[in-house]
């Protein structure tokens, strides 16, 4: 697989992160633009506002959220372009997708990474 990794934006910056992309629709609380050390903020690959609000990070809704989000990733032109952009960036080296969710298992970043792996 291309060098694509996940990391919470609240985790310490590391030069080994490579190209750092925030993949949340909303800016994470308590993080300054300077401390984020982002190369890019790619809002378009995040779940729609409606889906994000519906899910509300409830683990019991995750399976349905995953189905709905994958449908968005496959059918929304902006999200498709965002995914293609991520793949393009991997040709230059490691890419780290940053997310703000507290839960490391039940979040959109996991679903996005799975979809990226599936497309390889």
PDB file of N, CA and C in Angstrom:
ATOM      1  N   UNK A   1       0.840  -1.190   0.000  1.00  0.00           N
ATOM      2  CA  UNK A   1       0.000   0.000   0.000  1.00  0.00           C
ATOM      3  C   UNK A   1       0.868   1.230   0.000  1.00  0.00           C
ATOM      4  N   UNK A   2       0.337   2.262  -0.580  1.00  0.00           N
ATOM      5  CA  UNK A   2       1.003   3.554  -0.541  1.00  0.00           C
ATOM      6  C   UNK A   2       1.238   3.926   0.925  1.00  0.00           C
ATOM      7  N   UNK A   3       2.166   4.810   1.144  1.00  0.00           N
ATOM      8  CA  UNK A   3       2.482   5.225   2.508  1.00  0.00           C
ATOM      9  C   UNK A   3       1.447   6.223   3.013  1.00  0.00           C
ATOM     10  N   UNK A   4       0.302   5.705   3.454  1.00  0.00           N
ATOM     11  CA  UNK A   4      -0.759   6.527   4.016  1.00  0.00           C
ATOM     12  C   UNK A   4      -0.999   6.042   5.441  1.00  0.00           C
ATOM     13  N   UNK A   5      -0.945   6.972   6.385  1.00  0.00           N
ATOM     14  CA  UNK A   5      -1.083   6.641   7.791  1.00  0.00           C
ATOM     15  C   UNK A   5      -2.121   7.549   8.435  1.00  0.00           C
ATOM     16  N   UNK A   6      -2.645   7.114   9.570  1.00  0.00           N
ATOM     17  CA  UNK A   6      -3.595   7.892  10.358  1.00  0.00           C
ATOM     18  C   UNK A   6      -2.933   8.336  11.647  1.00  0.00           C
ATOM     19  N   UNK A   7      -3.370   9.505  12.117  1.00  0.00           N
ATOM     20  CA  UNK A   7      -2.840  10.021  13.372  1.00  0.00           C
ATOM     21  C   UNK A   7      -3.813  11.058  13.910  1.00  0.00           C
ATOM     22  N   UNK A   8      -4.001  11.063  15.227  1.00  0.00           N
ATOM     23  CA  UNK A   8      -4.815  12.125  15.825  1.00  0.00           C
ATOM     24  C   UNK A   8      -4.036  13.426  15.740  1.00  0.00           C
ATOM     25  N   UNK A   9      -4.729  14.489  15.449  1.00  0.00           N
ATOM     26  CA  UNK A   9      -4.068  15.779  15.339  1.00  0.00           C
ATOM     27  C   UNK A   9      -3.511  16.231  16.682  1.00  0.00           C
ATOM     28  N   UNK A  10      -4.024  15.661  17.763  1.00  0.00           N
ATOM     29  CA  UNK A  10      -3.558  16.011  19.097  1.00  0.00           C
ATOM     30  C   UNK A  10      -2.261  15.299  19.469  1.00  0.00           C
ATOM     31  N   UNK A  11      -1.863  14.301  18.695  1.00  0.00           N
ATOM     32  CA  UNK A  11      -0.592  13.622  18.936  1.00  0.00           C
ATOM     33  C   UNK A  11       0.549  14.524  18.493  1.00  0.00           C
ATOM     34  N   UNK A  12       1.713  14.364  19.098  1.00  0.00           N
ATOM     35  CA  UNK A  12       2.844  15.242  18.762  1.00  0.00           C
ATOM     36  C   UNK A  12       3.255  15.152  17.285  1.00  0.00           C
ATOM     37  N   UNK A  13       3.673  16.281  16.763  1.00  0.00           N
ATOM     38  CA  UNK A  13       4.204  16.352  15.404  1.00  0.00           C
ATOM     39  C   UNK A  13       5.479  15.519  15.332  1.00  0.00           C
ATOM     40  N   UNK A  14       5.663  14.878  14.187  1.00  0.00           N
ATOM     41  CA  UNK A  14       6.876  14.112  13.942  1.00  0.00           C
ATOM     42  C   UNK A  14       7.269  14.358  12.486  1.00  0.00           C
ATOM     43  N   UNK A  15       8.530  14.637  12.249  1.00  0.00           N
ATOM     44  CA  UNK A  15       8.995  14.861  10.875  1.00  0.00           C
ATOM     45  C   UNK A  15       8.706  13.669   9.983  1.00  0.00           C
ATOM     46  N   UNK A  16       8.621  12.480  10.562  1.00  0.00           N
ATOM     47  CA  UNK A  16       8.353  11.273   9.797  1.00  0.00           C
ATOM     48  C   UNK A  16       6.904  11.205   9.293  1.00  0.00           C
ATOM     49  N   UNK A  17       6.065  12.134   9.742  1.00  0.00           N
ATOM     50  CA  UNK A  17       4.673  12.156   9.283  1.00  0.00           C
ATOM     51  C   UNK A  17       4.589  12.404   7.778  1.00  0.00           C
ATOM     52  N   UNK A  18       5.574  13.044   7.236  1.00  0.00           N
ATOM     53  CA  UNK A  18       5.521  13.384   5.815  1.00  0.00           C
ATOM     54  C   UNK A  18       4.523  14.500   5.581  1.00  0.00           C
ATOM     55  N   UNK A  19       3.744  14.381   4.520  1.00  0.00           N
ATOM     56  CA  UNK A  19       2.747  15.386   4.146  1.00  0.00           C
ATOM     57  C   UNK A  19       1.537  15.214   5.056  1.00  0.00           C
ATOM     58  N   UNK A  20       1.199  16.263   5.811  1.00  0.00           N
ATOM     59  CA  UNK A  20       0.144  16.187   6.828  1.00  0.00           C
ATOM     60  C   UNK A  20      -1.140  16.831   6.317  1.00  0.00           C
ATOM     61  N   UNK A  21      -2.227  16.030   6.309  1.00  0.00           N
ATOM     62  CA  UNK A  21      -3.520  16.499   5.810  1.00  0.00           C
ATOM     63  C   UNK A  21      -4.572  16.336   6.901  1.00  0.00           C
ATOM     64  N   UNK A  22      -5.220  17.426   7.268  1.00  0.00           N
ATOM     65  CA  UNK A  22      -6.369  17.354   8.161  1.00  0.00           C
ATOM     66  C   UNK A  22      -7.571  16.933   7.330  1.00  0.00           C
ATOM     67  N   UNK A  23      -8.266  15.871   7.768  1.00  0.00           N
ATOM     68  CA  UNK A  23      -9.389  15.335   6.991  1.00  0.00           C
ATOM     69  C   UNK A  23     -10.720  15.535   7.703  1.00  0.00           C
ATOM     70  N   UNK A  24     -10.786  16.457   8.638  1.00  0.00           N
ATOM     71  CA  UNK A  24     -12.033  16.782   9.331  1.00  0.00           C
ATOM     72  C   UNK A  24     -12.712  17.967   8.656  1.00  0.00           C
ATOM     73  N   UNK A  25     -14.021  17.996   8.722  1.00  0.00           N
ATOM     74  CA  UNK A  25     -14.782  19.120   8.170  1.00  0.00           C
ATOM     75  C   UNK A  25     -14.653  20.348   9.072  1.00  0.00           C
ATOM     76  N   UNK A  26     -14.572  20.118  10.386  1.00  0.00           N
ATOM     77  CA  UNK A  26     -14.469  21.198  11.360  1.00  0.00           C
ATOM     78  C   UNK A  26     -13.050  21.259  11.918  1.00  0.00           C
ATOM     79  N   UNK A  27     -12.606  22.472  12.236  1.00  0.00           N
ATOM     80  CA  UNK A  27     -11.284  22.631  12.839  1.00  0.00           C
ATOM     81  C   UNK A  27     -11.302  22.042  14.253  1.00  0.00           C
ATOM     82  N   UNK A  28     -10.294  21.241  14.625  1.00  0.00           N
ATOM     83  CA  UNK A  28     -10.268  20.610  15.956  1.00  0.00           C
ATOM     84  C   UNK A  28     -10.079  21.638  17.078  1.00  0.00           C
ATOM     85  N   UNK A  29     -10.823  21.437  18.137  1.00  0.00           N
ATOM     86  CA  UNK A  29     -10.765  22.348  19.288  1.00  0.00           C
ATOM     87  C   UNK A  29      -9.390  22.327  19.940  1.00  0.00           C
ATOM     88  N   UNK A  30      -8.943  23.506  20.344  1.00  0.00           N
ATOM     89  CA  UNK A  30      -7.721  23.612  21.121  1.00  0.00           C
ATOM     90  C   UNK A  30      -6.429  23.481  20.328  1.00  0.00           C
ATOM     91  N   UNK A  31      -6.521  23.412  19.019  1.00  0.00           N
ATOM     92  CA  UNK A  31      -5.322  23.283  18.173  1.00  0.00           C
ATOM     93  C   UNK A  31      -5.137  24.578  17.402  1.00  0.00           C
ATOM     94  N   UNK A  32      -3.961  25.171  17.530  1.00  0.00           N
ATOM     95  CA  UNK A  32      -3.677  26.377  16.746  1.00  0.00           C
ATOM     96  C   UNK A  32      -3.200  25.968  15.359  1.00  0.00           C
ATOM     97  N   UNK A  33      -3.334  26.867  14.426  1.00  0.00           N
ATOM     98  CA  UNK A  33      -2.879  26.578  13.064  1.00  0.00           C
ATOM     99  C   UNK A  33      -1.371  26.302  13.057  1.00  0.00           C
ATOM    100  N   UNK A  34      -0.628  26.994  13.913  1.00  0.00           N
ATOM    101  CA  UNK A  34       0.818  26.799  13.969  1.00  0.00           C
ATOM    102  C   UNK A  34       1.172  25.420  14.517  1.00  0.00           C
ATOM    103  N   UNK A  35       0.520  25.021  15.610  1.00  0.00           N
ATOM    104  CA  UNK A  35       0.865  23.731  16.223  1.00  0.00           C
ATOM    105  C   UNK A  35       0.390  22.549  15.383  1.00  0.00           C
ATOM    106  N   UNK A  36      -0.605  22.769  14.526  1.00  0.00           N
ATOM    107  CA  UNK A  36      -1.102  21.679  13.675  1.00  0.00           C
ATOM    108  C   UNK A  36      -0.065  21.266  12.636  1.00  0.00           C
ATOM    109  N   UNK A  37       0.749  22.202  12.211  1.00  0.00           N
ATOM    110  CA  UNK A  37       1.790  21.937  11.214  1.00  0.00           C
ATOM    111  C   UNK A  37       1.227  21.184  10.007  1.00  0.00           C
ATOM    112  N   UNK A  38       0.129  21.717   9.497  1.00  0.00           N
ATOM    113  CA  UNK A  38      -0.533  21.094   8.352  1.00  0.00           C
ATOM    114  C   UNK A  38       0.120  21.497   7.048  1.00  0.00           C
ATOM    115  N   UNK A  39       0.067  20.593   6.106  1.00  0.00           N
ATOM    116  CA  UNK A  39       0.394  20.926   4.732  1.00  0.00           C
ATOM    117  C   UNK A  39      -0.878  21.259   3.970  1.00  0.00           C
ATOM    118  N   UNK A  40      -2.005  20.690   4.465  1.00  0.00           N
ATOM    119  CA  UNK A  40      -3.258  20.879   3.750  1.00  0.00           C
ATOM    120  C   UNK A  40      -4.432  20.523   4.654  1.00  0.00           C
ATOM    121  N   UNK A  41      -5.558  21.198   4.428  1.00  0.00           N
ATOM    122  CA  UNK A  41      -6.809  20.868   5.104  1.00  0.00           C
ATOM    123  C   UNK A  41      -7.778  20.446   4.009  1.00  0.00           C
ATOM    124  N   UNK A  42      -8.084  19.162   3.955  1.00  0.00           N
ATOM    125  CA  UNK A  42      -8.906  18.597   2.895  1.00  0.00           C
ATOM    126  C   UNK A  42     -10.288  18.250   3.453  1.00  0.00           C
ATOM    127  N   UNK A  43     -11.126  19.276   3.580  1.00  0.00           N
ATOM    128  CA  UNK A  43     -12.472  19.115   4.146  1.00  0.00           C
ATOM    129  C   UNK A  43     -13.357  18.229   3.280  1.00  0.00           C
ATOM    130  N   UNK A  44     -13.114  18.239   1.973  1.00  0.00           N
ATOM    131  CA  UNK A  44     -14.014  17.574   1.030  1.00  0.00           C
ATOM    132  C   UNK A  44     -14.090  16.064   1.193  1.00  0.00           C
ATOM    133  N   UNK A  45     -13.103  15.429   1.829  1.00  0.00           N
ATOM    134  CA  UNK A  45     -13.181  13.980   2.016  1.00  0.00           C
ATOM    135  C   UNK A  45     -13.869  13.595   3.323  1.00  0.00           C
ATOM    136  N   UNK A  46     -14.170  14.578   4.148  1.00  0.00           N
ATOM    137  CA  UNK A  46     -14.862  14.310   5.412  1.00  0.00           C
ATOM    138  C   UNK A  46     -16.324  13.962   5.136  1.00  0.00           C
ATOM    139  N   UNK A  47     -16.967  13.275   6.078  1.00  0.00           N
ATOM    140  CA  UNK A  47     -18.396  12.987   5.900  1.00  0.00           C
ATOM    141  C   UNK A  47     -19.196  14.285   5.785  1.00  0.00           C
ATOM    142  N   UNK A  48     -20.310  14.209   5.098  1.00  0.00           N
ATOM    143  CA  UNK A  48     -21.190  15.371   4.993  1.00  0.00           C
ATOM    144  C   UNK A  48     -21.599  15.823   6.398  1.00  0.00           C
ATOM    145  N   UNK A  49     -21.968  17.078   6.520  1.00  0.00           N
ATOM    146  CA  UNK A  49     -22.403  17.593   7.823  1.00  0.00           C
ATOM    147  C   UNK A  49     -23.584  16.803   8.357  1.00  0.00           C
ATOM    148  N   UNK A  50     -24.505  16.456   7.468  1.00  0.00           N
ATOM    149  CA  UNK A  50     -25.683  15.702   7.896  1.00  0.00           C
ATOM    150  C   UNK A  50     -25.292  14.340   8.464  1.00  0.00           C
ATOM    151  N   UNK A  51     -24.391  13.639   7.779  1.00  0.00           N
ATOM    152  CA  UNK A  51     -23.963  12.319   8.244  1.00  0.00           C
ATOM    153  C   UNK A  51     -23.169  12.436   9.538  1.00  0.00           C
ATOM    154  N   UNK A  52     -22.299  13.418   9.620  1.00  0.00           N
ATOM    155  CA  UNK A  52     -21.496  13.627  10.826  1.00  0.00           C
ATOM    156  C   UNK A  52     -22.397  13.879  12.032  1.00  0.00           C
ATOM    157  N   UNK A  53     -23.394  14.732  11.859  1.00  0.00           N
ATOM    158  CA  UNK A  53     -24.308  15.034  12.968  1.00  0.00           C
ATOM    159  C   UNK A  53     -25.142  13.810  13.343  1.00  0.00           C
ATOM    160  N   UNK A  54     -25.562  13.041  12.355  1.00  0.00           N
ATOM    161  CA  UNK A  54     -26.354  11.839  12.629  1.00  0.00           C
ATOM    162  C   UNK A  54     -25.535  10.827  13.435  1.00  0.00           C
ATOM    163  N   UNK A  55     -24.304  10.599  13.034  1.00  0.00           N
ATOM    164  CA  UNK A  55     -23.439   9.617  13.691  1.00  0.00           C
ATOM    165  C   UNK A  55     -23.102  10.036  15.117  1.00  0.00           C
ATOM    166  N   UNK A  56     -22.702  11.264  15.298  1.00  0.00           N
ATOM    167  CA  UNK A  56     -22.401  11.825  16.619  1.00  0.00           C
ATOM    168  C   UNK A  56     -21.424  10.940  17.421  1.00  0.00           C
ATOM    169  N   UNK A  57     -20.556  10.228  16.730  1.00  0.00           N
ATOM    170  CA  UNK A  57     -19.513   9.377  17.334  1.00  0.00           C
ATOM    171  C   UNK A  57     -20.078   8.321  18.287  1.00  0.00           C
ATOM    172  N   UNK A  58     -21.251   7.789  17.966  1.00  0.00           N
ATOM    173  CA  UNK A  58     -21.857   6.731  18.787  1.00  0.00           C
ATOM    174  C   UNK A  58     -21.451   5.377  18.195  1.00  0.00           C
ATOM    175  N   UNK A  59     -20.695   4.584  18.961  1.00  0.00           N
ATOM    176  CA  UNK A  59     -20.219   3.291  18.444  1.00  0.00           C
ATOM    177  C   UNK A  59     -21.334   2.393  17.917  1.00  0.00           C
ATOM    178  N   UNK A  60     -22.504   2.449  18.532  1.00  0.00           N
ATOM    179  CA  UNK A  60     -23.603   1.586  18.094  1.00  0.00           C
ATOM    180  C   UNK A  60     -24.125   1.962  16.704  1.00  0.00           C
ATOM    181  N   UNK A  61     -23.796   3.152  16.229  1.00  0.00           N
ATOM    182  CA  UNK A  61     -24.210   3.592  14.891  1.00  0.00           C
ATOM    183  C   UNK A  61     -23.101   3.428  13.852  1.00  0.00           C
ATOM    184  N   UNK A  62     -21.950   2.938  14.287  1.00  0.00           N
ATOM    185  CA  UNK A  62     -20.781   2.939  13.406  1.00  0.00           C
ATOM    186  C   UNK A  62     -20.973   2.122  12.130  1.00  0.00           C
ATOM    187  N   UNK A  63     -21.542   0.942  12.218  1.00  0.00           N
ATOM    188  CA  UNK A  63     -21.691   0.106  11.020  1.00  0.00           C
ATOM    189  C   UNK A  63     -22.563   0.798   9.969  1.00  0.00           C
ATOM    190  N   UNK A  64     -23.658   1.391  10.392  1.00  0.00           N
ATOM    191  CA  UNK A  64     -24.510   2.125   9.452  1.00  0.00           C
ATOM    192  C   UNK A  64     -23.807   3.383   8.946  1.00  0.00           C
ATOM    193  N   UNK A  65     -23.088   4.074   9.852  1.00  0.00           N
ATOM    194  CA  UNK A  65     -22.303   5.246   9.448  1.00  0.00           C
ATOM    195  C   UNK A  65     -21.301   4.863   8.367  1.00  0.00           C
ATOM    196  N   UNK A  66     -20.618   3.750   8.589  1.00  0.00           N
ATOM    197  CA  UNK A  66     -19.604   3.281   7.651  1.00  0.00           C
ATOM    198  C   UNK A  66     -20.208   3.061   6.264  1.00  0.00           C
ATOM    199  N   UNK A  67     -21.359   2.400   6.205  1.00  0.00           N
ATOM    200  CA  UNK A  67     -22.030   2.170   4.915  1.00  0.00           C
ATOM    201  C   UNK A  67     -22.383   3.482   4.223  1.00  0.00           C
ATOM    202  N   UNK A  68     -22.937   4.408   4.983  1.00  0.00           N
ATOM    203  CA  UNK A  68     -23.348   5.697   4.409  1.00  0.00           C
ATOM    204  C   UNK A  68     -22.136   6.528   3.964  1.00  0.00           C
ATOM    205  N   UNK A  69     -21.085   6.498   4.772  1.00  0.00           N
ATOM    206  CA  UNK A  69     -19.890   7.280   4.426  1.00  0.00           C
ATOM    207  C   UNK A  69     -19.195   6.695   3.196  1.00  0.00           C
ATOM    208  N   UNK A  70     -19.096   5.382   3.113  1.00  0.00           N
ATOM    209  CA  UNK A  70     -18.496   4.754   1.926  1.00  0.00           C
ATOM    210  C   UNK A  70     -19.302   5.124   0.682  1.00  0.00           C
ATOM    211  N   UNK A  71     -20.612   5.151   0.805  1.00  0.00           N
ATOM    212  CA  UNK A  71     -21.443   5.566  -0.328  1.00  0.00           C
ATOM    213  C   UNK A  71     -21.109   6.997  -0.746  1.00  0.00           C
ATOM    214  N   UNK A  72     -20.931   7.874   0.233  1.00  0.00           N
ATOM    215  CA  UNK A  72     -20.524   9.249  -0.092  1.00  0.00           C
ATOM    216  C   UNK A  72     -19.154   9.260  -0.764  1.00  0.00           C
ATOM    217  N   UNK A  73     -18.206   8.497  -0.228  1.00  0.00           N
ATOM    218  CA  UNK A  73     -16.854   8.486  -0.786  1.00  0.00           C
ATOM    219  C   UNK A  73     -16.831   7.995  -2.230  1.00  0.00           C
ATOM    220  N   UNK A  74     -17.750   7.114  -2.563  1.00  0.00           N
ATOM    221  CA  UNK A  74     -17.773   6.545  -3.912  1.00  0.00           C
ATOM    222  C   UNK A  74     -18.614   7.342  -4.898  1.00  0.00           C
ATOM    223  N   UNK A  75     -19.547   8.146  -4.400  1.00  0.00           N
ATOM    224  CA  UNK A  75     -20.490   8.805  -5.299  1.00  0.00           C
ATOM    225  C   UNK A  75     -20.442  10.328  -5.313  1.00  0.00           C
ATOM    226  N   UNK A  76     -19.811  10.923  -4.335  1.00  0.00           N
ATOM    227  CA  UNK A  76     -19.704  12.384  -4.285  1.00  0.00           C
ATOM    228  C   UNK A  76     -18.445  12.802  -5.039  1.00  0.00           C
ATOM    229  N   UNK A  77     -18.621  13.595  -6.076  1.00  0.00           N
ATOM    230  CA  UNK A  77     -17.493  13.958  -6.957  1.00  0.00           C
ATOM    231  C   UNK A  77     -16.367  14.671  -6.210  1.00  0.00           C
ATOM    232  N   UNK A  78     -16.698  15.554  -5.265  1.00  0.00           N
ATOM    233  CA  UNK A  78     -15.653  16.242  -4.506  1.00  0.00           C
ATOM    234  C   UNK A  78     -14.844  15.249  -3.665  1.00  0.00           C
ATOM    235  N   UNK A  79     -15.522  14.270  -3.090  1.00  0.00           N
ATOM    236  CA  UNK A  79     -14.813  13.273  -2.285  1.00  0.00           C
ATOM    237  C   UNK A  79     -13.942  12.377  -3.169  1.00  0.00           C
ATOM    238  N   UNK A  80     -14.447  12.017  -4.335  1.00  0.00           N
ATOM    239  CA  UNK A  80     -13.662  11.211  -5.284  1.00  0.00           C
ATOM    240  C   UNK A  80     -12.403  11.981  -5.693  1.00  0.00           C
ATOM    241  N   UNK A  81     -12.546  13.259  -5.974  1.00  0.00           N
ATOM    242  CA  UNK A  81     -11.393  14.084  -6.345  1.00  0.00           C
ATOM    243  C   UNK A  81     -10.407  14.188  -5.179  1.00  0.00           C
ATOM    244  N   UNK A  82     -10.933  14.312  -3.954  1.00  0.00           N
ATOM    245  CA  UNK A  82     -10.070  14.366  -2.776  1.00  0.00           C
ATOM    246  C   UNK A  82      -9.266  13.096  -2.598  1.00  0.00           C
ATOM    247  N   UNK A  83      -9.917  11.957  -2.799  1.00  0.00           N
ATOM    248  CA  UNK A  83      -9.223  10.673  -2.697  1.00  0.00           C
ATOM    249  C   UNK A  83      -8.151  10.557  -3.774  1.00  0.00           C
ATOM    250  N   UNK A  84      -8.466  10.957  -4.983  1.00  0.00           N
ATOM    251  CA  UNK A  84      -7.466  10.938  -6.055  1.00  0.00           C
ATOM    252  C   UNK A  84      -6.290  11.843  -5.721  1.00  0.00           C
ATOM    253  N   UNK A  85      -6.580  12.971  -5.109  1.00  0.00           N
ATOM    254  CA  UNK A  85      -5.524  13.904  -4.705  1.00  0.00           C
ATOM    255  C   UNK A  85      -4.604  13.251  -3.662  1.00  0.00           C
ATOM    256  N   UNK A  86      -5.191  12.543  -2.706  1.00  0.00           N
ATOM    257  CA  UNK A  86      -4.378  11.850  -1.691  1.00  0.00           C
ATOM    258  C   UNK A  86      -3.462  10.836  -2.369  1.00  0.00           C
ATOM    259  N   UNK A  87      -4.011  10.064  -3.300  1.00  0.00           N
ATOM    260  CA  UNK A  87      -3.180   9.096  -4.021  1.00  0.00           C
ATOM    261  C   UNK A  87      -2.052   9.793  -4.779  1.00  0.00           C
ATOM    262  N   UNK A  88      -2.341  10.921  -5.409  1.00  0.00           N
ATOM    263  CA  UNK A  88      -1.304  11.670  -6.123  1.00  0.00           C
ATOM    264  C   UNK A  88      -0.182  12.081  -5.179  1.00  0.00           C
ATOM    265  N   UNK A  89      -0.543  12.507  -3.974  1.00  0.00           N
ATOM    266  CA  UNK A  89       0.459  12.953  -3.007  1.00  0.00           C
ATOM    267  C   UNK A  89       1.373  11.828  -2.555  1.00  0.00           C
ATOM    268  N   UNK A  90       0.872  10.592  -2.558  1.00  0.00           N
ATOM    269  CA  UNK A  90       1.701   9.467  -2.103  1.00  0.00           C
ATOM    270  C   UNK A  90       2.866   9.201  -3.046  1.00  0.00           C
ATOM    271  N   UNK A  91       2.783   9.693  -4.266  1.00  0.00           N
ATOM    272  CA  UNK A  91       3.902   9.498  -5.191  1.00  0.00           C
ATOM    273  C   UNK A  91       5.132  10.286  -4.737  1.00  0.00           C
ATOM    274  N   UNK A  92       4.925  11.274  -3.851  1.00  0.00           N
ATOM    275  CA  UNK A  92       6.042  12.069  -3.337  1.00  0.00           C
ATOM    276  C   UNK A  92       6.519  11.593  -1.970  1.00  0.00           C
ATOM    277  N   UNK A  93       5.881  10.551  -1.421  1.00  0.00           N
ATOM    278  CA  UNK A  93       6.303  10.041  -0.120  1.00  0.00           C
ATOM    279  C   UNK A  93       5.133   9.816   0.817  1.00  0.00           C
ATOM    280  N   UNK A  94       5.461   9.718   2.055  1.00  0.00           N
ATOM    281  CA  UNK A  94       4.494   9.406   3.115  1.00  0.00           C
ATOM    282  C   UNK A  94       3.457  10.512   3.277  1.00  0.00           C
ATOM    283  N   UNK A  95       2.201  10.095   3.494  1.00  0.00           N
ATOM    284  CA  UNK A  95       1.100  11.012   3.757  1.00  0.00           C
ATOM    285  C   UNK A  95       0.451  10.582   5.069  1.00  0.00           C
ATOM    286  N   UNK A  96       0.237  11.536   5.964  1.00  0.00           N
ATOM    287  CA  UNK A  96      -0.441  11.256   7.221  1.00  0.00           C
ATOM    288  C   UNK A  96      -1.763  12.011   7.244  1.00  0.00           C
ATOM    289  N   UNK A  97      -2.839  11.247   7.411  1.00  0.00           N
ATOM    290  CA  UNK A  97      -4.182  11.808   7.506  1.00  0.00           C
ATOM    291  C   UNK A  97      -4.470  12.074   8.977  1.00  0.00           C
ATOM    292  N   UNK A  98      -4.781  13.313   9.285  1.00  0.00           N
ATOM    293  CA  UNK A  98      -5.001  13.728  10.660  1.00  0.00           C
ATOM    294  C   UNK A  98      -6.484  13.909  10.943  1.00  0.00           C
ATOM    295  N   UNK A  99      -6.917  13.437  12.106  1.00  0.00           N
ATOM    296  CA  UNK A  99      -8.315  13.562  12.505  1.00  0.00           C
ATOM    297  C   UNK A  99      -8.376  13.969  13.976  1.00  0.00           C
ATOM    298  N   UNK A 100      -9.509  14.502  14.394  1.00  0.00           N
ATOM    299  CA  UNK A 100      -9.638  14.986  15.760  1.00  0.00           C
ATOM    300  C   UNK A 100     -10.428  14.098  16.695  1.00  0.00           C
ATOM    301  N   UNK A 101     -11.118  13.096  16.188  1.00  0.00           N
ATOM    302  CA  UNK A 101     -11.982  12.252  17.021  1.00  0.00           C
ATOM    303  C   UNK A 101     -11.203  11.609  18.168  1.00  0.00           C
ATOM    304  N   UNK A 102     -11.858  11.503  19.313  1.00  0.00           N
ATOM    305  CA  UNK A 102     -11.228  10.867  20.472  1.00  0.00           C
ATOM    306  C   UNK A 102     -11.109   9.361  20.308  1.00  0.00           C
ATOM    307  N   UNK A 103     -12.119   8.760  19.708  1.00  0.00           N
ATOM    308  CA  UNK A 103     -12.153   7.308  19.573  1.00  0.00           C
ATOM    309  C   UNK A 103     -11.285   6.876  18.389  1.00  0.00           C
ATOM    310  N   UNK A 104     -10.257   6.066  18.645  1.00  0.00           N
ATOM    311  CA  UNK A 104      -9.362   5.659  17.556  1.00  0.00           C
ATOM    312  C   UNK A 104      -9.918   4.550  16.662  1.00  0.00           C
ATOM    313  N   UNK A 105     -11.087   4.014  17.006  1.00  0.00           N
ATOM    314  CA  UNK A 105     -11.665   2.901  16.242  1.00  0.00           C
ATOM    315  C   UNK A 105     -12.929   3.316  15.504  1.00  0.00           C
ATOM    316  N   UNK A 106     -13.811   4.018  16.173  1.00  0.00           N
ATOM    317  CA  UNK A 106     -15.101   4.379  15.595  1.00  0.00           C
ATOM    318  C   UNK A 106     -15.076   5.831  15.112  1.00  0.00           C
ATOM    319  N   UNK A 107     -14.398   6.046  13.988  1.00  0.00           N
ATOM    320  CA  UNK A 107     -14.323   7.392  13.424  1.00  0.00           C
ATOM    321  C   UNK A 107     -14.202   7.323  11.904  1.00  0.00           C
ATOM    322  N   UNK A 108     -14.405   8.440  11.262  1.00  0.00           N
ATOM    323  CA  UNK A 108     -14.412   8.475   9.798  1.00  0.00           C
ATOM    324  C   UNK A 108     -13.041   8.220   9.191  1.00  0.00           C
ATOM    325  N   UNK A 109     -11.975   8.539   9.909  1.00  0.00           N
ATOM    326  CA  UNK A 109     -10.629   8.342   9.367  1.00  0.00           C
ATOM    327  C   UNK A 109     -10.363   6.863   9.093  1.00  0.00           C
ATOM    328  N   UNK A 110     -10.848   5.995   9.961  1.00  0.00           N
ATOM    329  CA  UNK A 110     -10.696   4.551   9.776  1.00  0.00           C
ATOM    330  C   UNK A 110     -11.401   4.105   8.493  1.00  0.00           C
ATOM    331  N   UNK A 111     -12.607   4.612   8.299  1.00  0.00           N
ATOM    332  CA  UNK A 111     -13.384   4.257   7.107  1.00  0.00           C
ATOM    333  C   UNK A 111     -12.691   4.770   5.852  1.00  0.00           C
ATOM    334  N   UNK A 112     -12.194   5.991   5.910  1.00  0.00           N
ATOM    335  CA  UNK A 112     -11.496   6.568   4.752  1.00  0.00           C
ATOM    336  C   UNK A 112     -10.258   5.749   4.415  1.00  0.00           C
ATOM    337  N   UNK A 113      -9.469   5.374   5.414  1.00  0.00           N
ATOM    338  CA  UNK A 113      -8.269   4.577   5.153  1.00  0.00           C
ATOM    339  C   UNK A 113      -8.632   3.218   4.553  1.00  0.00           C
ATOM    340  N   UNK A 114      -9.682   2.595   5.060  1.00  0.00           N
ATOM    341  CA  UNK A 114     -10.123   1.312   4.488  1.00  0.00           C
ATOM    342  C   UNK A 114     -10.521   1.474   3.022  1.00  0.00           C
ATOM    343  N   UNK A 115     -11.204   2.572   2.720  1.00  0.00           N
ATOM    344  CA  UNK A 115     -11.616   2.811   1.321  1.00  0.00           C
ATOM    345  C   UNK A 115     -10.403   3.078   0.438  1.00  0.00           C
ATOM    346  N   UNK A 116      -9.422   3.792   0.954  1.00  0.00           N
ATOM    347  CA  UNK A 116      -8.196   4.032   0.188  1.00  0.00           C
ATOM    348  C   UNK A 116      -7.489   2.709  -0.094  1.00  0.00           C
ATOM    349  N   UNK A 117      -7.401   1.833   0.903  1.00  0.00           N
ATOM    350  CA  UNK A 117      -6.776   0.519   0.714  1.00  0.00           C
ATOM    351  C   UNK A 117      -7.536  -0.305  -0.314  1.00  0.00           C
ATOM    352  N   UNK A 118      -8.854  -0.248  -0.259  1.00  0.00           N
ATOM    353  CA  UNK A 118      -9.677  -1.016  -1.197  1.00  0.00           C
ATOM    354  C   UNK A 118      -9.438  -0.568  -2.629  1.00  0.00           C
ATOM    355  N   UNK A 119      -9.183   0.712  -2.824  1.00  0.00           N
ATOM    356  CA  UNK A 119      -9.016   1.249  -4.185  1.00  0.00           C
ATOM    357  C   UNK A 119      -7.643   0.980  -4.775  1.00  0.00           C
ATOM    358  N   UNK A 120      -6.707   0.551  -3.944  1.00  0.00           N
ATOM    359  CA  UNK A 120      -5.359   0.289  -4.472  1.00  0.00           C
ATOM    360  C   UNK A 120      -5.344  -0.965  -5.324  1.00  0.00           C
TER     361      UNK A 120
END
